[in-house]
């Protein structure tokens, strides 16, 4: 477990980033609130660089977020496989739950993929917004706001 997560403002609202010595361990969209004041930043340089890359990405400047190190120690082996599949997708690419299951080596495990993406602790960096249902975009774990999922996909397709 690392230090307390940093909260920071982005074009899509307030976000939270947590890390350990091994990589980023959490990323969340917190909503449309604002920071109460300037948060004291005491983080390694690589974390501050990740924060800048994420902020730029969400402002519409594409960044290679797949290069950012992640700490996946809290995930089950299946969740890690799903994370690997999603991190190997290209920006703007979408996959159905069943396709992710197949690529993760578990054909027929679409519901398990759904649980894995629903509990994804590192939104955006494990790009679960790229998983869609067979009949449309589907929901999303970012506080249940499918509009953010749609905006993330739009940001990615603008620059592909």
Protein backbone atom coordinates (compact mmCIF):
# COMPACT_ATOMS: atom_id res chain seq x y z
CA UNK A 1 0.00 0.00 0.00
CA UNK A 2 1.29 3.44 -0.93
CA UNK A 3 0.72 6.95 0.33
CA UNK A 4 -2.68 8.64 0.27
CA UNK A 5 -3.91 9.20 -3.30
CA UNK A 6 -3.44 12.57 -4.97
CA UNK A 7 -6.57 14.44 -6.04
CA UNK A 8 -6.32 16.63 -9.10
CA UNK A 9 -8.54 18.53 -11.50
CA UNK A 10 -8.91 17.49 -15.16
CA UNK A 11 -11.06 18.45 -18.10
CA UNK A 12 -13.41 15.60 -17.08
CA UNK A 13 -13.61 16.58 -13.43
CA UNK A 14 -11.88 15.72 -10.21
CA UNK A 15 -9.70 12.58 -10.26
CA UNK A 16 -7.70 10.51 -7.78
CA UNK A 17 -4.37 8.75 -8.42
CA UNK A 18 -2.78 6.25 -6.03
CA UNK A 19 0.58 4.51 -6.31
CA UNK A 20 3.08 2.20 -4.68
CA UNK A 21 6.77 1.74 -5.32
CA UNK A 22 5.86 -0.63 -8.15
CA UNK A 23 3.49 1.60 -10.11
CA UNK A 24 0.08 3.23 -10.22
CA UNK A 25 -2.34 1.24 -8.08
CA UNK A 26 -5.54 3.27 -8.46
CA UNK A 27 -7.15 5.87 -10.67
CA UNK A 28 -10.70 7.12 -10.21
CA UNK A 29 -12.99 9.79 -11.56
CA UNK A 30 -14.49 11.51 -8.53
CA UNK A 31 -17.10 13.68 -10.21
CA UNK A 32 -17.56 17.32 -11.03
CA UNK A 33 -16.44 18.77 -7.71
CA UNK A 34 -13.38 20.89 -7.31
CA UNK A 35 -10.37 20.81 -5.05
CA UNK A 36 -10.95 22.71 -1.81
CA UNK A 37 -7.48 24.23 -2.04
CA UNK A 38 -4.02 23.57 -3.32
CA UNK A 39 -3.06 20.02 -2.30
CA UNK A 40 0.51 19.62 -1.10
CA UNK A 41 2.20 17.36 -3.61
CA UNK A 42 4.75 14.97 -2.20
CA UNK A 43 5.16 12.31 -4.85
CA UNK A 44 7.99 10.79 -6.86
CA UNK A 45 8.78 12.50 -10.15
CA UNK A 46 7.41 9.55 -12.14
CA UNK A 47 4.02 9.97 -10.41
CA UNK A 48 3.93 13.69 -11.20
CA UNK A 49 4.84 12.91 -14.82
CA UNK A 50 2.00 10.34 -14.94
CA UNK A 51 -0.38 12.92 -13.49
CA UNK A 52 0.63 15.44 -16.18
CA UNK A 53 0.21 12.83 -18.94
CA UNK A 54 -3.26 11.88 -17.69
CA UNK A 55 -4.29 15.54 -17.38
CA UNK A 56 -3.10 16.28 -20.92
CA UNK A 57 -4.80 13.16 -22.27
CA UNK A 58 -8.13 14.11 -20.71
CA UNK A 59 -7.75 17.63 -22.14
CA UNK A 60 -7.62 16.18 -25.65
CA UNK A 61 -3.84 15.87 -26.13
CA UNK A 62 -3.23 12.16 -26.80
CA UNK A 63 -0.64 10.55 -24.54
CA UNK A 64 0.81 7.04 -24.47
CA UNK A 65 -0.81 5.97 -21.20
CA UNK A 66 0.08 2.31 -21.82
CA UNK A 67 3.69 3.15 -20.95
CA UNK A 68 2.81 4.12 -17.38
CA UNK A 69 3.81 1.48 -14.82
CA UNK A 70 0.99 -0.23 -12.94
CA UNK A 71 0.94 -2.14 -9.67
CA UNK A 72 -1.47 -5.02 -10.25
CA UNK A 73 -0.72 -6.94 -7.04
CA UNK A 74 -4.29 -6.51 -5.77
CA UNK A 75 -5.81 -8.20 -8.82
CA UNK A 76 -6.66 -11.87 -9.24
CA UNK A 77 -4.88 -13.81 -12.01
CA UNK A 78 -8.00 -13.52 -14.22
CA UNK A 79 -8.28 -9.78 -13.59
CA UNK A 80 -4.61 -9.44 -14.58
CA UNK A 81 -5.28 -11.30 -17.84
CA UNK A 82 -8.20 -8.98 -18.57
CA UNK A 83 -5.98 -5.99 -17.75
CA UNK A 84 -3.30 -7.27 -20.14
CA UNK A 85 -5.85 -7.69 -22.93
CA UNK A 86 -7.24 -4.20 -22.40
CA UNK A 87 -3.80 -2.59 -22.14
CA UNK A 88 -2.87 -4.20 -25.48
CA UNK A 89 -5.85 -2.63 -27.28
CA UNK A 90 -5.30 0.46 -29.36
CA UNK A 91 -6.87 3.82 -28.52
CA UNK A 92 -10.36 3.97 -29.98
CA UNK A 93 -10.57 0.19 -30.39
CA UNK A 94 -13.52 -1.46 -28.67
CA UNK A 95 -14.09 -5.10 -27.76
CA UNK A 96 -17.20 -6.97 -26.64
CA UNK A 97 -17.10 -8.75 -23.27
CA UNK A 98 -16.97 -12.12 -25.03
CA UNK A 99 -14.02 -11.02 -27.17
CA UNK A 100 -12.09 -9.97 -24.07
CA UNK A 101 -12.85 -13.33 -22.47
CA UNK A 102 -11.57 -15.17 -25.53
CA UNK A 103 -8.38 -13.08 -25.69
CA UNK A 104 -7.85 -13.64 -21.96
CA UNK A 105 -7.91 -17.39 -22.58
CA UNK A 106 -11.33 -17.96 -21.02
CA UNK A 107 -13.90 -18.39 -23.82
CA UNK A 108 -17.43 -18.11 -22.50
CA UNK A 109 -16.39 -16.02 -19.48
CA UNK A 110 -18.03 -12.77 -20.63
CA UNK A 111 -19.76 -12.32 -17.25
CA UNK A 112 -16.45 -12.76 -15.42
CA UNK A 113 -14.98 -10.08 -17.71
CA UNK A 114 -17.91 -7.86 -16.73
CA UNK A 115 -17.06 -8.35 -13.04
CA UNK A 116 -13.37 -7.69 -13.73
CA UNK A 117 -14.03 -4.40 -15.51
CA UNK A 118 -16.65 -3.36 -12.95
CA UNK A 119 -14.08 -3.70 -10.16
CA UNK A 120 -11.18 -2.22 -12.15
CA UNK A 121 -9.18 -0.12 -9.64
CA UNK A 122 -7.17 1.71 -12.31
CA UNK A 123 -9.70 3.30 -14.64
CA UNK A 124 -8.38 4.81 -17.86
CA UNK A 125 -4.97 3.10 -17.51
CA UNK A 126 -6.61 -0.32 -17.66
CA UNK A 127 -8.92 0.96 -20.38
CA UNK A 128 -12.16 -0.77 -19.42
CA UNK A 129 -14.01 2.01 -21.25
CA UNK A 130 -13.07 0.11 -24.43
CA UNK A 131 -15.29 -2.83 -23.45
CA UNK A 132 -18.76 -2.57 -24.93
CA UNK A 133 -21.86 -4.74 -24.79
CA UNK A 134 -23.14 -6.47 -27.91
CA UNK A 135 -25.98 -3.93 -28.24
CA UNK A 136 -24.14 -0.68 -27.51
CA UNK A 137 -21.65 1.03 -25.24
CA UNK A 138 -23.05 -0.42 -22.01
CA UNK A 139 -22.47 0.97 -18.54
CA UNK A 140 -19.25 1.91 -16.89
CA UNK A 141 -17.69 1.80 -13.46
CA UNK A 142 -16.72 5.49 -13.37
CA UNK A 143 -19.38 6.29 -10.78
CA UNK A 144 -21.91 4.88 -13.23
CA UNK A 145 -21.48 7.68 -15.74
CA UNK A 146 -21.63 6.34 -19.31
CA UNK A 147 -21.12 9.91 -20.59
CA UNK A 148 -17.51 9.77 -19.38
CA UNK A 149 -17.05 6.41 -21.12
CA UNK A 150 -18.37 7.94 -24.33
CA UNK A 151 -16.13 11.02 -23.93
CA UNK A 152 -13.03 8.84 -23.40
CA UNK A 153 -13.81 6.88 -26.56
CA UNK A 154 -14.38 10.15 -28.44
CA UNK A 155 -11.03 11.52 -27.23
CA UNK A 156 -9.30 8.38 -28.48
CA UNK A 157 -11.00 8.33 -31.88
CA UNK A 158 -10.31 12.02 -32.51
CA UNK A 159 -6.62 11.24 -32.74
CA UNK A 160 -6.52 7.86 -34.48
